[in-house]
Amino acid sequence: MHFAVSFTTLLAGVTLLSTVASSPINSKLGRRGLFDDDDEDIDDDDLEELEVDGDEVESLSDLCTQSSDKLKRHLEARASLPAQHSEVKPGKSDYQDLAPLGLWTDFLVSCTGVVVIGTKSGGSGRALAHIMGTKDNLSGEWDDFKGKVEKMKLSDKRGFMSSPLLDDNLPDGWNDELSKVSRDTEANIKGRLAELVDDSNIVQRFHRMKDSSERKGDNGVMSVNGQNVVYIDGQQVS
């Protein structure tokens, strides 16, 4: 069995949580038409690293720092790590191959949570990533997660995403430029996930960032248990 940890932060460097939108979204019908039936296959150009200018990265970093400081003062509000789960911290990923143990992350806020589950001879496997999604670390984080998924050699793979909701419940200091970075990152991650699992097997939910950062209920929490049951914001989505 394998254990690792990873800490949550902003999708572009911020740390606010994610609440799940009402129902799973099949990525072929998904939000913003990213995977419409008439879309062309994703090519390498679509997966190029996001370009974010230095001023924007600095702004996102400021939001992330402020959110982290606030959460440290309110740790009593933090959701509890379930039994038989290992924690994945922001910018990190982990996997469980055959072992009946789960993975869990919280405070997604402006970050993106990704889970891949599948079956194999003798049992099943699962992987979870808490992706901060900035210009400087998106590819590195994703390559690490992808390597863990491929190492398990799973069949019947399914993918799950918890992305920041950009239409409502925005954190203080959020602006149009951050929304653009967030949308571009969402599309980039979804494209990468579609290369790991068939895009018709992707379920996407959207978490409410401000509620996630303030730990309202299970907002911004994503997990998968040892039986490959996936939860986003406390709701079962698999």
C-alpha atoms as a PDB file:
ATOM      1  CA  MET A   1       0.000   0.000   0.000  1.00  0.00           C
ATOM      2  CA  HIS A   2       1.119   3.526  -0.589  1.00  0.00           C
ATOM      3  CA  PHE A   3       0.590   6.699   1.419  1.00  0.00           C
ATOM      4  CA  ALA A   4       1.319  10.316   0.581  1.00  0.00           C
ATOM      5  CA  VAL A   5       0.025  13.749   1.467  1.00  0.00           C
ATOM      6  CA  SER A   6      -0.807  16.978  -0.278  1.00  0.00           C
ATOM      7  CA  PHE A   7      -2.118  20.394   0.845  1.00  0.00           C
ATOM      8  CA  THR A   8      -4.995  22.444  -0.696  1.00  0.00           C
ATOM      9  CA  THR A   9      -4.636  25.844  -2.202  1.00  0.00           C
ATOM     10  CA  LEU A  10      -6.127  28.089  -4.830  1.00  0.00           C
ATOM     11  CA  LEU A  11      -6.628  26.760  -8.326  1.00  0.00           C
ATOM     12  CA  ALA A  12      -4.159  29.428  -9.319  1.00  0.00           C
ATOM     13  CA  GLY A  13      -2.554  29.594  -5.928  1.00  0.00           C
ATOM     14  CA  VAL A  14      -5.544  30.413  -3.684  1.00  0.00           C
ATOM     15  CA  THR A  15      -6.949  28.217  -0.848  1.00  0.00           C
ATOM     16  CA  LEU A  16     -10.729  28.290  -0.706  1.00  0.00           C
ATOM     17  CA  LEU A  17     -12.987  25.248  -0.661  1.00  0.00           C
ATOM     18  CA  SER A  18     -15.270  23.664  -3.188  1.00  0.00           C
ATOM     19  CA  THR A  19     -18.976  22.918  -2.944  1.00  0.00           C
ATOM     20  CA  VAL A  20     -20.565  20.577  -5.358  1.00  0.00           C
ATOM     21  CA  ALA A  21     -23.128  21.835  -7.829  1.00  0.00           C
ATOM     22  CA  SER A  22     -26.465  20.058  -7.745  1.00  0.00           C
ATOM     23  CA  SER A  23     -25.821  17.137 -10.124  1.00  0.00           C
ATOM     24  CA  PRO A  24     -22.926  15.421 -11.893  1.00  0.00           C
ATOM     25  CA  ILE A  25     -22.069  16.843 -15.292  1.00  0.00           C
ATOM     26  CA  ASN A  26     -21.125  14.459 -18.055  1.00  0.00           C
ATOM     27  CA  SER A  27     -18.062  16.062 -19.592  1.00  0.00           C
ATOM     28  CA  LYS A  28     -19.398  15.617 -23.116  1.00  0.00           C
ATOM     29  CA  LEU A  29     -22.274  17.869 -22.167  1.00  0.00           C
ATOM     30  CA  GLY A  30     -20.145  19.694 -19.657  1.00  0.00           C
ATOM     31  CA  ARG A  31     -20.069  23.310 -18.703  1.00  0.00           C
ATOM     32  CA  ARG A  32     -18.888  25.844 -21.296  1.00  0.00           C
ATOM     33  CA  GLY A  33     -19.130  23.230 -24.062  1.00  0.00           C
ATOM     34  CA  LEU A  34     -15.612  21.949 -23.450  1.00  0.00           C
ATOM     35  CA  PHE A  35     -16.455  18.491 -24.702  1.00  0.00           C
ATOM     36  CA  ASP A  36     -19.299  18.925 -27.160  1.00  0.00           C
ATOM     37  CA  ASP A  37     -19.763  16.007 -29.558  1.00  0.00           C
ATOM     38  CA  ASP A  38     -18.410  18.040 -32.469  1.00  0.00           C
ATOM     39  CA  ASP A  39     -15.233  19.073 -30.597  1.00  0.00           C
ATOM     40  CA  GLU A  40     -11.954  18.033 -32.146  1.00  0.00           C
ATOM     41  CA  ASP A  41      -9.611  15.702 -30.304  1.00  0.00           C
ATOM     42  CA  ILE A  42      -7.350  17.431 -27.830  1.00  0.00           C
ATOM     43  CA  ASP A  43      -3.926  18.075 -29.288  1.00  0.00           C
ATOM     44  CA  ASP A  44      -0.661  18.989 -27.632  1.00  0.00           C
ATOM     45  CA  ASP A  45      -1.259  22.711 -28.202  1.00  0.00           C
ATOM     46  CA  ASP A  46      -4.410  22.505 -26.077  1.00  0.00           C
ATOM     47  CA  LEU A  47      -2.362  21.161 -23.177  1.00  0.00           C
ATOM     48  CA  GLU A  48       0.373  23.796 -23.195  1.00  0.00           C
ATOM     49  CA  GLU A  49       1.211  25.347 -19.871  1.00  0.00           C
ATOM     50  CA  LEU A  50      -1.078  28.229 -18.923  1.00  0.00           C
ATOM     51  CA  GLU A  51       0.444  31.677 -19.378  1.00  0.00           C
ATOM     52  CA  VAL A  52      -0.178  33.880 -16.359  1.00  0.00           C
ATOM     53  CA  ASP A  53       1.636  37.181 -15.992  1.00  0.00           C
ATOM     54  CA  GLY A  54       3.754  37.897 -12.940  1.00  0.00           C
ATOM     55  CA  ASP A  55       1.329  40.439 -11.489  1.00  0.00           C
ATOM     56  CA  GLU A  56      -1.519  37.935 -11.655  1.00  0.00           C
ATOM     57  CA  VAL A  57       0.474  35.200  -9.936  1.00  0.00           C
ATOM     58  CA  GLU A  58       1.381  37.638  -7.165  1.00  0.00           C
ATOM     59  CA  SER A  59      -2.292  38.489  -6.681  1.00  0.00           C
ATOM     60  CA  LEU A  60      -3.264  34.822  -6.477  1.00  0.00           C
ATOM     61  CA  SER A  61      -0.453  34.156  -4.013  1.00  0.00           C
ATOM     62  CA  ASP A  62      -1.713  36.980  -1.807  1.00  0.00           C
ATOM     63  CA  LEU A  63      -5.203  35.468  -1.769  1.00  0.00           C
ATOM     64  CA  CYS A  64      -3.771  32.062  -0.919  1.00  0.00           C
ATOM     65  CA  THR A  65      -1.696  33.426   1.971  1.00  0.00           C
ATOM     66  CA  GLN A  66      -4.603  35.379   3.432  1.00  0.00           C
ATOM     67  CA  SER A  67      -6.871  32.329   3.234  1.00  0.00           C
ATOM     68  CA  SER A  68      -4.279  30.064   4.888  1.00  0.00           C
ATOM     69  CA  ASP A  69      -3.767  32.493   7.778  1.00  0.00           C
ATOM     70  CA  LYS A  70      -7.494  32.734   8.318  1.00  0.00           C
ATOM     71  CA  LEU A  71      -7.916  28.959   8.369  1.00  0.00           C
ATOM     72  CA  LYS A  72      -5.124  28.504  10.899  1.00  0.00           C
ATOM     73  CA  ARG A  73      -7.129  30.675  13.292  1.00  0.00           C
ATOM     74  CA  HIS A  74     -10.235  28.534  12.795  1.00  0.00           C
ATOM     75  CA  LEU A  75      -8.914  24.975  12.756  1.00  0.00           C
ATOM     76  CA  GLU A  76     -11.741  23.900  15.051  1.00  0.00           C
ATOM     77  CA  ALA A  77     -14.069  24.372  12.072  1.00  0.00           C
ATOM     78  CA  ARG A  78     -12.103  21.976   9.899  1.00  0.00           C
ATOM     79  CA  ALA A  79     -13.724  18.749   8.725  1.00  0.00           C
ATOM     80  CA  SER A  80     -12.348  15.590  10.324  1.00  0.00           C
ATOM     81  CA  LEU A  81     -10.206  13.113   8.409  1.00  0.00           C
ATOM     82  CA  PRO A  82     -12.314   9.937   8.116  1.00  0.00           C
ATOM     83  CA  ALA A  83     -11.000   6.671   9.517  1.00  0.00           C
ATOM     84  CA  GLN A  84      -9.006   4.542   7.063  1.00  0.00           C
ATOM     85  CA  HIS A  85      -8.272   7.544   4.817  1.00  0.00           C
ATOM     86  CA  SER A  86      -4.970   9.303   4.200  1.00  0.00           C
ATOM     87  CA  GLU A  87      -4.908  13.070   3.721  1.00  0.00           C
ATOM     88  CA  VAL A  88      -3.833  14.666   0.449  1.00  0.00           C
ATOM     89  CA  LYS A  89      -2.521  18.189   0.955  1.00  0.00           C
ATOM     90  CA  PRO A  90      -2.600  21.070  -1.555  1.00  0.00           C
ATOM     91  CA  GLY A  91      -0.378  20.626  -4.570  1.00  0.00           C
ATOM     92  CA  LYS A  92       0.016  16.899  -3.865  1.00  0.00           C
ATOM     93  CA  SER A  93      -1.526  13.591  -4.927  1.00  0.00           C
ATOM     94  CA  ASP A  94      -1.706  10.064  -3.542  1.00  0.00           C
ATOM     95  CA  TYR A  95      -2.987   6.639  -4.539  1.00  0.00           C
ATOM     96  CA  GLN A  96      -4.075   3.304  -3.077  1.00  0.00           C
ATOM     97  CA  ASP A  97      -3.438   0.209  -5.164  1.00  0.00           C
ATOM     98  CA  LEU A  98      -5.585  -2.785  -4.070  1.00  0.00           C
ATOM     99  CA  ALA A  99      -5.469  -1.744  -0.403  1.00  0.00           C
ATOM    100  CA  PRO A 100      -9.012  -0.992   0.912  1.00  0.00           C
ATOM    101  CA  LEU A 101      -8.031   2.468   2.125  1.00  0.00           C
ATOM    102  CA  GLY A 102      -9.384   5.867   1.121  1.00  0.00           C
ATOM    103  CA  LEU A 103      -8.023   9.313   0.216  1.00  0.00           C
ATOM    104  CA  TRP A 104      -9.291  12.688   1.425  1.00  0.00           C
ATOM    105  CA  THR A 105      -8.601  16.390   0.876  1.00  0.00           C
ATOM    106  CA  ASP A 106     -10.225  19.637   2.019  1.00  0.00           C
ATOM    107  CA  PHE A 107     -10.096  23.426   1.611  1.00  0.00           C
ATOM    108  CA  LEU A 108     -10.131  23.177  -2.188  1.00  0.00           C
ATOM    109  CA  VAL A 109     -11.433  26.729  -2.531  1.00  0.00           C
ATOM    110  CA  SER A 110      -9.833  27.978  -5.785  1.00  0.00           C
ATOM    111  CA  CYS A 111      -8.039  24.661  -6.304  1.00  0.00           C
ATOM    112  CA  THR A 112      -9.278  21.656  -8.257  1.00  0.00           C
ATOM    113  CA  GLY A 113      -9.818  18.204  -6.801  1.00  0.00           C
ATOM    114  CA  VAL A 114      -9.417  15.224  -9.140  1.00  0.00           C
ATOM    115  CA  VAL A 115     -10.115  11.539  -8.485  1.00  0.00           C
ATOM    116  CA  VAL A 116      -9.560   8.548 -10.770  1.00  0.00           C
ATOM    117  CA  ILE A 117     -10.913   5.129  -9.834  1.00  0.00           C
ATOM    118  CA  GLY A 118     -10.756   1.783 -11.623  1.00  0.00           C
ATOM    119  CA  THR A 119     -10.601  -1.976 -11.311  1.00  0.00           C
ATOM    120  CA  LYS A 120      -7.861  -4.555 -11.785  1.00  0.00           C
ATOM    121  CA  SER A 121      -7.191  -8.216 -11.186  1.00  0.00           C
ATOM    122  CA  GLY A 122      -7.572  -8.830  -7.472  1.00  0.00           C
ATOM    123  CA  GLY A 123      -9.436  -5.659  -6.609  1.00  0.00           C
ATOM    124  CA  SER A 124      -9.441  -1.955  -7.372  1.00  0.00           C
ATOM    125  CA  GLY A 125      -7.371   1.207  -7.144  1.00  0.00           C
ATOM    126  CA  ARG A 126      -7.865   4.934  -6.706  1.00  0.00           C
ATOM    127  CA  ALA A 127      -5.922   8.190  -6.858  1.00  0.00           C
ATOM    128  CA  LEU A 128      -6.686  11.726  -5.686  1.00  0.00           C
ATOM    129  CA  ALA A 129      -4.985  15.035  -6.499  1.00  0.00           C
ATOM    130  CA  HIS A 130      -5.373  18.473  -4.913  1.00  0.00           C
ATOM    131  CA  ILE A 131      -4.264  20.673  -7.813  1.00  0.00           C
ATOM    132  CA  MET A 132      -3.245  24.261  -7.189  1.00  0.00           C
ATOM    133  CA  GLY A 133      -3.071  24.845 -10.915  1.00  0.00           C
ATOM    134  CA  THR A 134      -0.695  27.768 -11.284  1.00  0.00           C
ATOM    135  CA  LYS A 135       1.492  28.472 -14.283  1.00  0.00           C
ATOM    136  CA  ASP A 136       4.544  27.190 -12.451  1.00  0.00           C
ATOM    137  CA  ASN A 137       3.220  23.947 -11.003  1.00  0.00           C
ATOM    138  CA  LEU A 138       0.283  22.626 -13.024  1.00  0.00           C
ATOM    139  CA  SER A 139       2.304  20.350 -15.300  1.00  0.00           C
ATOM    140  CA  GLY A 140       4.467  19.030 -12.470  1.00  0.00           C
ATOM    141  CA  GLU A 141       1.489  18.277 -10.253  1.00  0.00           C
ATOM    142  CA  TRP A 142      -0.391  16.638 -13.086  1.00  0.00           C
ATOM    143  CA  ASP A 143       2.533  14.515 -14.261  1.00  0.00           C
ATOM    144  CA  ASP A 144       2.983  13.202 -10.713  1.00  0.00           C
ATOM    145  CA  PHE A 145      -0.722  12.329 -10.462  1.00  0.00           C
ATOM    146  CA  LYS A 146      -0.808  10.771 -13.934  1.00  0.00           C
ATOM    147  CA  GLY A 147       2.206   8.608 -13.112  1.00  0.00           C
ATOM    148  CA  LYS A 148       0.457   7.225 -10.031  1.00  0.00           C
ATOM    149  CA  VAL A 149      -2.690   6.409 -12.001  1.00  0.00           C
ATOM    150  CA  GLU A 150      -0.744   4.699 -14.789  1.00  0.00           C
ATOM    151  CA  LYS A 151       1.347   2.737 -12.288  1.00  0.00           C
ATOM    152  CA  MET A 152      -1.800   0.955 -11.072  1.00  0.00           C
ATOM    153  CA  LYS A 153      -2.713  -0.253 -14.613  1.00  0.00           C
ATOM    154  CA  LEU A 154      -6.433   0.114 -13.958  1.00  0.00           C
ATOM    155  CA  SER A 155      -9.300  -0.921 -16.224  1.00  0.00           C
ATOM    156  CA  ASP A 156     -12.727   0.725 -16.491  1.00  0.00           C
ATOM    157  CA  LYS A 157     -11.310   4.027 -15.263  1.00  0.00           C
ATOM    158  CA  ARG A 158     -13.629   6.860 -14.229  1.00  0.00           C
ATOM    159  CA  GLY A 159     -12.684  10.459 -13.486  1.00  0.00           C
ATOM    160  CA  PHE A 160     -14.156  13.038 -11.096  1.00  0.00           C
ATOM    161  CA  MET A 161     -13.487  16.779 -10.791  1.00  0.00           C
ATOM    162  CA  SER A 162     -14.409  19.352  -8.173  1.00  0.00           C
ATOM    163  CA  SER A 163     -13.860  22.762  -9.782  1.00  0.00           C
ATOM    164  CA  PRO A 164     -14.363  26.286  -8.387  1.00  0.00           C
ATOM    165  CA  LEU A 165     -17.779  27.803  -9.083  1.00  0.00           C
ATOM    166  CA  LEU A 166     -17.194  31.187 -10.723  1.00  0.00           C
ATOM    167  CA  ASP A 167     -20.765  32.505 -10.972  1.00  0.00           C
ATOM    168  CA  ASP A 168     -21.537  32.988  -7.284  1.00  0.00           C
ATOM    169  CA  ASN A 169     -20.148  32.878  -3.727  1.00  0.00           C
ATOM    170  CA  LEU A 170     -16.788  34.399  -4.690  1.00  0.00           C
ATOM    171  CA  PRO A 171     -14.153  35.118  -2.034  1.00  0.00           C
ATOM    172  CA  ASP A 172     -13.149  38.633  -1.079  1.00  0.00           C
ATOM    173  CA  GLY A 173     -10.624  40.100  -3.513  1.00  0.00           C
ATOM    174  CA  TRP A 174     -11.725  37.943  -6.449  1.00  0.00           C
ATOM    175  CA  ASN A 175     -11.804  39.662  -9.849  1.00  0.00           C
ATOM    176  CA  ASP A 176     -12.361  39.019 -13.555  1.00  0.00           C
ATOM    177  CA  GLU A 177      -8.699  38.250 -14.184  1.00  0.00           C
ATOM    178  CA  LEU A 178      -8.716  35.512 -11.551  1.00  0.00           C
ATOM    179  CA  SER A 179     -11.884  34.100 -13.107  1.00  0.00           C
ATOM    180  CA  LYS A 180     -10.155  33.938 -16.488  1.00  0.00           C
ATOM    181  CA  VAL A 181      -7.175  32.104 -14.998  1.00  0.00           C
ATOM    182  CA  SER A 182      -9.560  29.739 -13.226  1.00  0.00           C
ATOM    183  CA  ARG A 183     -11.553  28.977 -16.394  1.00  0.00           C
ATOM    184  CA  ASP A 184      -8.420  28.354 -18.416  1.00  0.00           C
ATOM    185  CA  THR A 185      -7.068  26.055 -15.731  1.00  0.00           C
ATOM    186  CA  GLU A 186     -10.348  24.150 -15.507  1.00  0.00           C
ATOM    187  CA  ALA A 187     -10.271  23.482 -19.254  1.00  0.00           C
ATOM    188  CA  ASN A 188      -6.611  22.472 -19.094  1.00  0.00           C
ATOM    189  CA  ILE A 189      -7.165  19.986 -16.276  1.00  0.00           C
ATOM    190  CA  LYS A 190     -10.276  18.543 -17.889  1.00  0.00           C
ATOM    191  CA  GLY A 191      -8.358  18.024 -21.124  1.00  0.00           C
ATOM    192  CA  ARG A 192      -5.600  16.203 -19.281  1.00  0.00           C
ATOM    193  CA  LEU A 193      -8.123  14.063 -17.391  1.00  0.00           C
ATOM    194  CA  ALA A 194      -9.810  13.106 -20.680  1.00  0.00           C
ATOM    195  CA  GLU A 195      -6.490  11.598 -21.769  1.00  0.00           C
ATOM    196  CA  LEU A 196      -6.438   9.382 -18.670  1.00  0.00           C
ATOM    197  CA  VAL A 197     -10.083   8.263 -18.834  1.00  0.00           C
ATOM    198  CA  ASP A 198     -12.634   8.419 -21.626  1.00  0.00           C
ATOM    199  CA  ASP A 199     -14.238  11.877 -21.527  1.00  0.00           C
ATOM    200  CA  SER A 200     -17.702  10.297 -21.316  1.00  0.00           C
ATOM    201  CA  ASN A 201     -16.604   8.853 -17.965  1.00  0.00           C
ATOM    202  CA  ILE A 202     -15.881  12.202 -16.290  1.00  0.00           C
ATOM    203  CA  VAL A 203     -18.205  13.569 -13.597  1.00  0.00           C
ATOM    204  CA  GLN A 204     -17.729  17.224 -12.703  1.00  0.00           C
ATOM    205  CA  ARG A 205     -19.132  19.239  -9.818  1.00  0.00           C
ATOM    206  CA  PHE A 206     -18.516  22.864  -8.851  1.00  0.00           C
ATOM    207  CA  HIS A 207     -17.716  23.953  -5.294  1.00  0.00           C
ATOM    208  CA  ARG A 208     -18.562  27.319  -3.777  1.00  0.00           C
ATOM    209  CA  MET A 209     -15.275  28.997  -2.981  1.00  0.00           C
ATOM    210  CA  LYS A 210     -16.256  31.345  -0.159  1.00  0.00           C
ATOM    211  CA  ASP A 211     -18.278  28.685   1.657  1.00  0.00           C
ATOM    212  CA  SER A 212     -15.354  26.309   1.207  1.00  0.00           C
ATOM    213  CA  SER A 213     -12.902  28.756   2.765  1.00  0.00           C
ATOM    214  CA  GLU A 214     -15.250  29.338   5.701  1.00  0.00           C
ATOM    215  CA  ARG A 215     -15.840  25.618   6.211  1.00  0.00           C
ATOM    216  CA  LYS A 216     -19.605  25.661   5.851  1.00  0.00           C
ATOM    217  CA  GLY A 217     -20.626  22.024   6.070  1.00  0.00           C
ATOM    218  CA  ASP A 218     -18.455  19.804   3.882  1.00  0.00           C
ATOM    219  CA  ASN A 219     -17.887  22.469   1.225  1.00  0.00           C
ATOM    220  CA  GLY A 220     -14.500  22.072  -0.429  1.00  0.00           C
ATOM    221  CA  VAL A 221     -14.026  18.464   0.707  1.00  0.00           C
ATOM    222  CA  MET A 222     -13.342  15.642  -1.768  1.00  0.00           C
ATOM    223  CA  SER A 223     -12.721  11.995  -0.946  1.00  0.00           C
ATOM    224  CA  VAL A 224     -12.801   8.431  -2.231  1.00  0.00           C
ATOM    225  CA  ASN A 225     -13.139   5.495   0.146  1.00  0.00           C
ATOM    226  CA  GLY A 226     -11.631   2.013  -0.038  1.00  0.00           C
ATOM    227  CA  GLN A 227     -14.583   0.772  -2.084  1.00  0.00           C
ATOM    228  CA  ASN A 228     -14.108   3.496  -4.731  1.00  0.00           C
ATOM    229  CA  VAL A 229     -17.116   5.522  -3.607  1.00  0.00           C
ATOM    230  CA  VAL A 230     -16.405   9.187  -4.393  1.00  0.00           C
ATOM    231  CA  TYR A 231     -17.758  12.133  -2.401  1.00  0.00           C
ATOM    232  CA  ILE A 232     -17.671  15.837  -3.235  1.00  0.00           C
ATOM    233  CA  ASP A 233     -18.838  18.333  -0.637  1.00  0.00           C
ATOM    234  CA  GLY A 234     -20.238  15.432   1.370  1.00  0.00           C
ATOM    235  CA  GLN A 235     -22.416  14.158  -1.481  1.00  0.00           C
ATOM    236  CA  GLN A 236     -21.884  10.788  -3.146  1.00  0.00           C
ATOM    237  CA  VAL A 237     -21.148  11.219  -6.870  1.00  0.00           C
ATOM    238  CA  SER A 238     -20.127   7.698  -7.928  1.00  0.00           C
END
